[in-house]
Amino acid sequence: MKNDKSDVNVSTSEVVCRICLSEEDTKENPMVTPCICAGTMKHIHIACLRQWLISKRTHRFGNIVKTYCWKSLECELCKTTFPNSVYQEKLGEEIELLDYAIPSSMDYIVLESVTQQNIKIIHVIDFEMNNEVKVGRAHDADIRITDISVSRVHSFIKRNANGDFIVQDNHSKFGTLILLNRPYLLRYNRTNMFQVGRTLVEALIKSPKRSCADILLCRKSLRTPSY
């Protein structure tokens, strides 16, 4: 008796998008792997992923600030939190995953709220028509932060005549801090305050023999003092 076998060879190396089930992989719509899923669920088109993320997005539009919020920004299968961007080897560049509108003018800032939950909040501030933005817990704040440690009118983000952006605290209870990611010049004959973890440090430069330009505060060099 003849044992018939199938003449169809099934390839195990086929790359298929787990949403649209297409094998097409183009420069305009490449396949990416944004999580730790494996096998046939590993790959997804960048356009399919962006469309899925848009379905998870809510927004709040004001006259100056547009706020976008993504809740449960994670893979529904492996529960890995999606990054802001992924690296595509074929293109050799980073591809942004989160889609939000950027002002046509050059006078804008994009801020991200840091939360303890798996929520992504992006604030896009357009300074073309206004030079001041109010930050706080109040309902009429331009950037509203619903945290009990934030005052109703906590601080302001301003643009001065030179085009520089300034953060000004509004005598809030817990103060306003700026996260350093580059060297910062300490001011001479004035108390400089910085926080390392839960430790608040005051630095007062008095010696006239040293130049202010020689005293830099770098985030990488910070160490929590021992008492």
Protein backbone atom coordinates (compact mmCIF):
# COMPACT_ATOMS: atom_id res chain seq x y z
CA MET A 1 0.00 0.00 0.00
CA LYS A 2 1.37 3.36 -1.07
CA ASN A 3 1.87 5.91 1.68
CA ASP A 4 0.94 9.30 0.22
CA LYS A 5 2.74 12.33 1.62
CA SER A 6 1.99 15.98 1.07
CA ASP A 7 4.13 17.69 -1.56
CA VAL A 8 3.69 21.09 0.10
CA ASN A 9 6.70 22.28 2.08
CA VAL A 10 5.68 24.58 4.92
CA SER A 11 8.33 27.13 5.76
CA THR A 12 8.82 27.85 9.43
CA SER A 13 10.72 31.07 8.74
CA GLU A 14 7.84 33.07 7.29
CA VAL A 15 7.37 36.47 8.90
CA VAL A 16 3.70 37.34 9.27
CA CYS A 17 2.08 40.36 10.89
CA ARG A 18 0.00 39.12 13.82
CA ILE A 19 -2.75 41.69 13.18
CA CYS A 20 -3.28 41.78 9.40
CA LEU A 21 -1.61 38.37 8.72
CA SER A 22 0.26 39.86 5.77
CA GLU A 23 3.86 38.94 4.89
CA GLU A 24 4.54 42.30 3.22
CA ASP A 25 7.57 44.07 4.69
CA THR A 26 8.29 47.43 3.05
CA LYS A 27 10.35 50.48 3.88
CA GLU A 28 7.20 52.55 4.34
CA ASN A 29 5.54 49.90 6.56
CA PRO A 30 8.21 47.64 8.04
CA MET A 31 7.79 44.75 10.47
CA VAL A 32 8.88 45.42 14.05
CA THR A 33 9.15 43.40 17.27
CA PRO A 34 8.08 45.79 20.07
CA CYS A 35 7.65 43.16 22.82
CA ILE A 36 8.97 39.75 23.92
CA CYS A 37 6.36 37.65 22.12
CA ALA A 38 7.86 34.79 20.11
CA GLY A 39 6.91 32.59 17.18
CA THR A 40 4.13 33.73 14.86
CA MET A 41 3.11 36.48 17.32
CA LYS A 42 6.51 38.14 17.32
CA HIS A 43 6.18 40.47 14.32
CA ILE A 44 3.78 43.30 13.61
CA HIS A 45 3.57 46.05 10.99
CA ILE A 46 4.42 49.51 12.30
CA ALA A 47 1.19 50.85 10.76
CA CYS A 48 -0.90 48.10 12.39
CA LEU A 49 0.70 48.73 15.77
CA ARG A 50 0.20 52.49 15.53
CA GLN A 51 -3.45 52.01 14.62
CA TRP A 52 -3.93 49.71 17.60
CA LEU A 53 -2.24 52.25 19.90
CA ILE A 54 -4.50 55.02 18.57
CA SER A 55 -7.51 52.94 19.63
CA LYS A 56 -6.12 53.03 23.19
CA ARG A 57 -5.56 56.79 23.14
CA THR A 58 -7.66 59.57 24.67
CA HIS A 59 -6.95 63.28 24.44
CA ARG A 60 -7.71 66.65 25.99
CA PHE A 61 -7.24 69.68 23.76
CA GLY A 62 -6.86 73.20 25.15
CA ASN A 63 -5.99 76.49 23.47
CA ILE A 64 -2.29 76.08 24.24
CA VAL A 65 -1.72 72.47 25.33
CA LYS A 66 -2.80 69.20 23.75
CA THR A 67 -2.63 66.25 26.15
CA TYR A 68 -2.61 62.64 24.91
CA CYS A 69 -3.08 59.66 27.21
CA TRP A 70 -2.53 55.98 26.49
CA LYS A 71 -3.94 53.62 29.14
CA SER A 72 -2.59 50.08 29.51
CA LEU A 73 0.20 50.73 27.04
CA GLU A 74 1.34 47.11 26.95
CA CYS A 75 1.15 43.99 24.81
CA GLU A 76 -2.06 42.13 25.57
CA LEU A 77 -0.24 38.78 25.27
CA CYS A 78 3.13 39.07 27.03
CA LYS A 79 2.21 42.19 29.08
CA THR A 80 5.43 43.97 28.08
CA THR A 81 5.17 47.76 28.19
CA PHE A 82 5.63 49.22 24.70
CA PRO A 83 8.51 51.70 24.32
CA ASN A 84 8.21 55.15 22.75
CA SER A 85 10.20 53.92 19.75
CA VAL A 86 11.70 50.74 18.31
CA TYR A 87 14.90 50.18 16.34
CA GLN A 88 14.42 48.81 12.82
CA GLU A 89 17.52 46.98 11.60
CA LYS A 90 16.71 47.18 7.88
CA LEU A 91 16.29 50.96 8.04
CA GLY A 92 19.01 51.45 10.63
CA GLU A 93 16.96 53.99 12.57
CA GLU A 94 14.51 54.45 15.42
CA ILE A 95 10.80 54.44 14.55
CA GLU A 96 8.36 56.33 16.77
CA LEU A 97 5.36 54.30 17.92
CA LEU A 98 3.21 56.92 19.61
CA ASP A 99 1.28 59.16 17.24
CA TYR A 100 0.41 62.74 18.25
CA ALA A 101 0.15 66.07 16.46
CA ILE A 102 3.18 68.39 16.38
CA PRO A 103 2.58 72.17 15.96
CA SER A 104 3.59 73.66 12.63
CA SER A 105 5.56 76.42 14.39
CA MET A 106 8.98 75.85 15.94
CA ASP A 107 7.94 77.31 19.32
CA TYR A 108 6.72 74.19 21.07
CA ILE A 109 7.69 71.76 23.83
CA VAL A 110 6.79 68.07 24.23
CA LEU A 111 6.63 66.87 27.86
CA GLU A 112 5.93 63.41 29.27
CA SER A 113 4.28 62.88 32.65
CA VAL A 114 6.09 60.32 34.80
CA THR A 115 3.58 58.04 36.52
CA GLN A 116 3.80 54.90 38.68
CA GLN A 117 1.17 53.17 36.56
CA ASN A 118 1.33 51.70 33.09
CA ILE A 119 0.03 54.93 31.56
CA LYS A 120 1.72 57.17 29.01
CA ILE A 121 0.82 60.89 29.09
CA ILE A 122 2.25 63.33 26.54
CA HIS A 123 1.74 67.12 26.67
CA VAL A 124 2.38 69.15 23.49
CA ILE A 125 2.70 72.87 24.32
CA ASP A 126 2.35 75.42 21.52
CA PHE A 127 3.90 78.80 22.42
CA GLU A 128 3.01 80.53 19.15
CA MET A 129 0.03 82.43 20.64
CA ASN A 130 0.97 82.50 24.34
CA ASN A 131 4.22 82.77 26.31
CA GLU A 132 2.99 81.25 29.57
CA VAL A 133 1.54 77.88 30.57
CA LYS A 134 0.00 77.09 33.96
CA VAL A 135 0.77 73.71 35.54
CA GLY A 136 -1.23 72.30 38.45
CA ARG A 137 -4.06 70.20 39.83
CA ALA A 138 -6.81 72.75 39.14
CA HIS A 139 -9.36 72.01 36.42
CA ASP A 140 -8.43 75.21 34.55
CA ALA A 141 -4.69 74.40 34.46
CA ASP A 142 -3.18 74.19 30.98
CA ILE A 143 -1.21 71.09 32.05
CA ARG A 144 -3.36 69.26 34.58
CA ILE A 145 -1.64 66.75 36.89
CA THR A 146 -4.06 64.80 39.07
CA ASP A 147 -1.73 64.11 41.98
CA ILE A 148 -2.37 65.10 45.59
CA SER A 149 1.24 66.31 45.97
CA VAL A 150 0.70 68.87 43.18
CA SER A 151 -0.75 72.27 44.13
CA ARG A 152 -3.75 73.73 42.31
CA VAL A 153 -1.47 76.25 40.60
CA HIS A 154 1.89 74.57 41.07
CA SER A 155 4.20 76.26 38.58
CA PHE A 156 4.50 78.07 35.26
CA ILE A 157 6.41 77.34 32.07
CA LYS A 158 7.34 80.59 30.37
CA ARG A 159 9.17 81.75 27.25
CA ASN A 160 11.22 84.92 27.70
CA ALA A 161 12.21 87.59 25.17
CA ASN A 162 15.33 85.62 24.19
CA GLY A 163 13.26 82.58 23.27
CA ASP A 164 14.43 80.56 26.29
CA PHE A 165 11.98 78.40 28.25
CA ILE A 166 11.84 78.90 32.03
CA VAL A 167 10.14 76.88 34.78
CA GLN A 168 8.92 79.09 37.65
CA ASP A 169 7.60 77.62 40.89
CA ASN A 170 4.42 79.24 42.27
CA HIS A 171 5.34 78.91 45.98
CA SER A 172 4.00 75.34 45.91
CA LYS A 173 4.11 73.17 49.03
CA PHE A 174 6.57 70.59 47.70
CA GLY A 175 8.42 72.78 45.17
CA THR A 176 9.28 72.23 41.53
CA LEU A 177 12.29 70.16 40.47
CA ILE A 178 13.99 69.70 37.11
CA LEU A 179 15.52 66.34 36.18
CA LEU A 180 19.13 66.88 35.05
CA ASN A 181 20.45 64.94 32.07
CA ARG A 182 23.45 67.17 31.33
CA PRO A 183 25.95 69.30 33.33
CA TYR A 184 24.38 72.25 35.15
CA LEU A 185 26.28 75.40 36.19
CA LEU A 186 25.93 76.19 39.89
CA ARG A 187 25.33 79.87 40.74
CA TYR A 188 27.93 81.86 42.67
CA ASN A 189 27.09 83.37 46.10
CA ARG A 190 23.66 81.79 46.03
CA THR A 191 22.20 78.65 47.58
CA ASN A 192 21.87 75.85 45.02
CA MET A 193 19.51 73.02 45.93
CA PHE A 194 19.40 69.59 44.35
CA GLN A 195 17.79 66.28 45.30
CA VAL A 196 19.31 62.80 45.17
CA GLY A 197 16.66 60.17 45.82
CA ARG A 198 14.89 61.44 48.94
CA THR A 199 17.84 63.54 50.11
CA LEU A 200 17.74 67.32 49.55
CA VAL A 201 21.19 68.92 49.35
CA GLU A 202 22.07 72.62 49.59
CA ALA A 203 25.30 73.87 48.00
CA LEU A 204 26.59 77.41 48.62
CA ILE A 205 29.62 78.57 46.62
CA LYS A 206 31.55 81.22 48.56
CA SER A 207 35.20 80.98 47.53
CA PRO A 208 36.12 83.79 45.07
CA LYS A 209 39.22 81.88 44.00
CA ARG A 210 37.22 79.44 41.90
CA SER A 211 35.35 80.29 38.76
CA CYS A 212 31.69 79.40 38.47
CA ALA A 213 32.49 77.81 35.12
CA ASP A 214 34.71 75.27 36.93
CA ILE A 215 31.92 74.00 39.17
CA LEU A 216 29.51 71.80 37.30
CA LEU A 217 26.75 69.62 38.60
CA CYS A 218 26.33 66.47 36.57
CA ARG A 219 23.59 63.94 37.18
CA LYS A 220 25.98 61.03 36.68
CA SER A 221 28.32 62.28 39.40
CA LEU A 222 25.67 62.73 42.10
CA ARG A 223 26.08 60.63 45.22
CA THR A 224 23.80 60.50 48.26
CA PRO A 225 25.78 61.91 51.22
CA SER A 226 26.22 59.79 54.33
CA TYR A 227 25.44 61.15 57.78
